Amino acid sequence: MKTSVLVALVVVILVFGFYLRAKYEKTRQFKTVGEFTQWLATEAVKDAQENNHVSLDYTPQSIQKVEQILGDLHDRYVKKHASISASGLGSAYGAYIGEVIRAGSEMGER
């Protein structure tokens, strides 16, 4: 009896989780590519802090930190492919580097 209740509870939680995820993804609309790139860069900053305990500050020096994170990500991916969303994280960190370059070029224009 306990097992069937537990299984039913897990199924309900999973269905609800998928519903919330689908709803969230539908509401995330970007008006421009730049807006999307900034969002991806922000996700990279969050990932760096939460999963690698590294603070990224949009300076050229922070790109070395990104290089280390991506190297570690590659090593983990080689060991266990299914455990990492390499393309998503690669895109996020690529966007971060692009935002660092863009910010640097805007500073040079002043």
C-alpha atoms as a PDB file:
ATOM      1  CA  MET A   1       0.000   0.000   0.000  1.00  0.00           C
ATOM      2  CA  LYS A   2       2.733   2.447   0.935  1.00  0.00           C
ATOM      3  CA  THR A   3       4.607   1.794  -2.298  1.00  0.00           C
ATOM      4  CA  SER A   4       1.613   2.516  -4.516  1.00  0.00           C
ATOM      5  CA  VAL A   5       0.887   5.762  -2.644  1.00  0.00           C
ATOM      6  CA  LEU A   6       4.529   6.795  -2.986  1.00  0.00           C
ATOM      7  CA  VAL A   7       4.539   5.996  -6.715  1.00  0.00           C
ATOM      8  CA  ALA A   8       1.306   7.964  -7.205  1.00  0.00           C
ATOM      9  CA  LEU A   9       2.754  10.921  -5.314  1.00  0.00           C
ATOM     10  CA  VAL A  10       5.919  10.883  -7.428  1.00  0.00           C
ATOM     11  CA  VAL A  11       3.859  10.771 -10.635  1.00  0.00           C
ATOM     12  CA  VAL A  12       1.724  13.718  -9.486  1.00  0.00           C
ATOM     13  CA  ILE A  13       4.839  15.735  -8.595  1.00  0.00           C
ATOM     14  CA  LEU A  14       6.455  14.964 -11.954  1.00  0.00           C
ATOM     15  CA  VAL A  15       3.341  15.892 -13.921  1.00  0.00           C
ATOM     16  CA  PHE A  16       2.995  19.129 -11.979  1.00  0.00           C
ATOM     17  CA  GLY A  17       6.700  19.890 -12.513  1.00  0.00           C
ATOM     18  CA  PHE A  18       6.412  19.359 -16.265  1.00  0.00           C
ATOM     19  CA  TYR A  19       3.306  21.561 -16.334  1.00  0.00           C
ATOM     20  CA  LEU A  20       5.111  24.398 -14.528  1.00  0.00           C
ATOM     21  CA  ARG A  21       8.153  24.059 -16.769  1.00  0.00           C
ATOM     22  CA  ALA A  22       6.046  24.212 -19.930  1.00  0.00           C
ATOM     23  CA  LYS A  23       4.166  27.231 -18.602  1.00  0.00           C
ATOM     24  CA  TYR A  24       7.416  29.013 -17.698  1.00  0.00           C
ATOM     25  CA  GLU A  25       9.005  28.317 -21.083  1.00  0.00           C
ATOM     26  CA  LYS A  26       5.966  29.707 -22.915  1.00  0.00           C
ATOM     27  CA  THR A  27       6.101  32.969 -20.974  1.00  0.00           C
ATOM     28  CA  ARG A  28       9.806  33.576 -21.662  1.00  0.00           C
ATOM     29  CA  GLN A  29       9.755  35.666 -24.816  1.00  0.00           C
ATOM     30  CA  PHE A  30      12.665  37.818 -25.957  1.00  0.00           C
ATOM     31  CA  LYS A  31      12.105  40.897 -28.083  1.00  0.00           C
ATOM     32  CA  THR A  32      15.658  41.063 -29.451  1.00  0.00           C
ATOM     33  CA  VAL A  33      18.686  38.838 -29.853  1.00  0.00           C
ATOM     34  CA  GLY A  34      20.534  41.185 -27.508  1.00  0.00           C
ATOM     35  CA  GLU A  35      17.942  40.607 -24.797  1.00  0.00           C
ATOM     36  CA  PHE A  36      18.309  36.859 -25.239  1.00  0.00           C
ATOM     37  CA  THR A  37      22.116  37.111 -25.129  1.00  0.00           C
ATOM     38  CA  GLN A  38      21.997  39.157 -21.935  1.00  0.00           C
ATOM     39  CA  TRP A  39      19.690  36.582 -20.358  1.00  0.00           C
ATOM     40  CA  LEU A  40      22.052  33.752 -21.357  1.00  0.00           C
ATOM     41  CA  ALA A  41      25.017  35.656 -19.919  1.00  0.00           C
ATOM     42  CA  THR A  42      23.129  36.133 -16.657  1.00  0.00           C
ATOM     43  CA  GLU A  43      22.444  32.394 -16.562  1.00  0.00           C
ATOM     44  CA  ALA A  44      26.198  31.777 -16.938  1.00  0.00           C
ATOM     45  CA  VAL A  45      26.894  34.102 -14.003  1.00  0.00           C
ATOM     46  CA  LYS A  46      24.322  32.202 -11.915  1.00  0.00           C
ATOM     47  CA  ASP A  47      25.755  28.823 -12.933  1.00  0.00           C
ATOM     48  CA  ALA A  48      29.298  29.932 -12.139  1.00  0.00           C
ATOM     49  CA  GLN A  49      28.273  31.060  -8.667  1.00  0.00           C
ATOM     50  CA  GLU A  50      25.919  28.190  -7.817  1.00  0.00           C
ATOM     51  CA  ASN A  51      27.809  25.242  -9.301  1.00  0.00           C
ATOM     52  CA  ASN A  52      31.424  26.396  -9.320  1.00  0.00           C
ATOM     53  CA  HIS A  53      31.531  28.965  -6.486  1.00  0.00           C
ATOM     54  CA  VAL A  54      33.073  31.497  -8.873  1.00  0.00           C
ATOM     55  CA  SER A  55      32.012  35.134  -9.154  1.00  0.00           C
ATOM     56  CA  LEU A  56      31.945  36.581 -12.652  1.00  0.00           C
ATOM     57  CA  ASP A  57      32.026  40.381 -12.971  1.00  0.00           C
ATOM     58  CA  TYR A  58      31.982  41.048 -16.739  1.00  0.00           C
ATOM     59  CA  THR A  59      35.654  42.100 -16.776  1.00  0.00           C
ATOM     60  CA  PRO A  60      38.171  40.757 -19.303  1.00  0.00           C
ATOM     61  CA  GLN A  61      39.988  39.057 -16.408  1.00  0.00           C
ATOM     62  CA  SER A  62      36.880  36.992 -15.656  1.00  0.00           C
ATOM     63  CA  ILE A  63      37.237  35.227 -19.011  1.00  0.00           C
ATOM     64  CA  GLN A  64      40.082  33.193 -17.483  1.00  0.00           C
ATOM     65  CA  LYS A  65      37.619  31.976 -14.847  1.00  0.00           C
ATOM     66  CA  VAL A  66      35.173  31.020 -17.615  1.00  0.00           C
ATOM     67  CA  GLU A  67      37.945  29.135 -19.396  1.00  0.00           C
ATOM     68  CA  GLN A  68      38.586  27.117 -16.225  1.00  0.00           C
ATOM     69  CA  ILE A  69      34.861  26.431 -15.731  1.00  0.00           C
ATOM     70  CA  LEU A  70      34.487  25.271 -19.333  1.00  0.00           C
ATOM     71  CA  GLY A  71      37.572  23.049 -19.005  1.00  0.00           C
ATOM     72  CA  ASP A  72      36.093  21.435 -15.889  1.00  0.00           C
ATOM     73  CA  LEU A  73      32.740  21.097 -17.670  1.00  0.00           C
ATOM     74  CA  HIS A  74      34.464  19.346 -20.574  1.00  0.00           C
ATOM     75  CA  ASP A  75      36.222  16.930 -18.232  1.00  0.00           C
ATOM     76  CA  ARG A  76      32.930  16.065 -16.514  1.00  0.00           C
ATOM     77  CA  TYR A  77      31.182  15.671 -19.884  1.00  0.00           C
ATOM     78  CA  VAL A  78      33.846  13.268 -21.134  1.00  0.00           C
ATOM     79  CA  LYS A  79      33.360  11.114 -18.029  1.00  0.00           C
ATOM     80  CA  LYS A  80      29.541  11.085 -18.051  1.00  0.00           C
ATOM     81  CA  HIS A  81      27.750  12.550 -21.082  1.00  0.00           C
ATOM     82  CA  ALA A  82      24.207  12.383 -19.789  1.00  0.00           C
ATOM     83  CA  SER A  83      24.889  14.327 -16.598  1.00  0.00           C
ATOM     84  CA  ILE A  84      25.625  17.668 -18.251  1.00  0.00           C
ATOM     85  CA  SER A  85      23.800  19.936 -20.674  1.00  0.00           C
ATOM     86  CA  ALA A  86      26.990  20.954 -22.440  1.00  0.00           C
ATOM     87  CA  SER A  87      25.371  22.803 -25.338  1.00  0.00           C
ATOM     88  CA  GLY A  88      23.189  24.933 -23.077  1.00  0.00           C
ATOM     89  CA  LEU A  89      26.018  25.814 -20.720  1.00  0.00           C
ATOM     90  CA  GLY A  90      28.387  26.369 -23.629  1.00  0.00           C
ATOM     91  CA  SER A  91      25.922  28.814 -25.147  1.00  0.00           C
ATOM     92  CA  ALA A  92      25.462  30.620 -21.837  1.00  0.00           C
ATOM     93  CA  TYR A  93      29.192  31.029 -21.265  1.00  0.00           C
ATOM     94  CA  GLY A  94      29.686  32.025 -24.900  1.00  0.00           C
ATOM     95  CA  ALA A  95      27.069  34.732 -24.415  1.00  0.00           C
ATOM     96  CA  TYR A  96      28.861  35.855 -21.250  1.00  0.00           C
ATOM     97  CA  ILE A  97      32.160  36.218 -23.120  1.00  0.00           C
ATOM     98  CA  GLY A  98      30.347  38.125 -25.864  1.00  0.00           C
ATOM     99  CA  GLU A  99      28.862  40.498 -23.294  1.00  0.00           C
ATOM    100  CA  VAL A 100      32.324  41.069 -21.787  1.00  0.00           C
ATOM    101  CA  ILE A 101      33.685  41.922 -25.227  1.00  0.00           C
ATOM    102  CA  ARG A 102      30.707  44.161 -26.015  1.00  0.00           C
ATOM    103  CA  ALA A 103      31.052  46.018 -22.703  1.00  0.00           C
ATOM    104  CA  GLY A 104      34.774  46.488 -23.345  1.00  0.00           C
ATOM    105  CA  SER A 105      34.193  47.844 -26.839  1.00  0.00           C
ATOM    106  CA  GLU A 106      31.546  50.264 -25.559  1.00  0.00           C
ATOM    107  CA  MET A 107      33.981  51.506 -22.917  1.00  0.00           C
ATOM    108  CA  GLY A 108      36.577  52.076 -25.645  1.00  0.00           C
ATOM    109  CA  GLU A 109      34.124  54.225 -27.628  1.00  0.00           C
ATOM    110  CA  ARG A 110      33.734  56.742 -24.819  1.00  0.00           C
END
